């Protein structure tokens, strides 16, 4: 969710109730806008437009769609679907890393979102097959297409979005 000005780095100095301010706190400072942040935001918007599963109109349930694919599958960093135990695991190595696979609404690629909230880079074992990296929030070239297989390293406090074309076996 974006509020006008987020895309150019307007923070309102943390003020979440600035609607009644008519001063530099809420003005859009176009002259000093963060050009890299604007470009990154435009790239994210383009991804959202490209993939219907990033703009669903219904809550994700984990139930199969008309093609038998579950709309969301929560992915464990060790390379398997998460279980109920994983959500409450006392293992600190599991905390802060989370992934999920989003099925297409009809045909098209699956998406894999990997999140690392840790202060250190950490690895994820990917679902089987080849994955195309669409975005890496930590990379200087955030939208550089890279092929990923087996294990993917995520920088500290970063998110990666990957896609996988359907297999036609």
Foldseek 3Di string as FASTA:
>chain_A
DDDPQVQFPLCLVVDPPCPPDDDPSPDRDVVNGDVLSNVVVVLVVVVCVVAVLNPDPDDQDQAAAPVGGRQKFKAFQAADTDDPCLVVPPPPVRPQWIKMWGDGNPFWKIKMKIFGQAQAKDKGFYHADKKWWQAKQPDPCGGDTDIDHGMDIHGHGIMIMIIDHDDDD
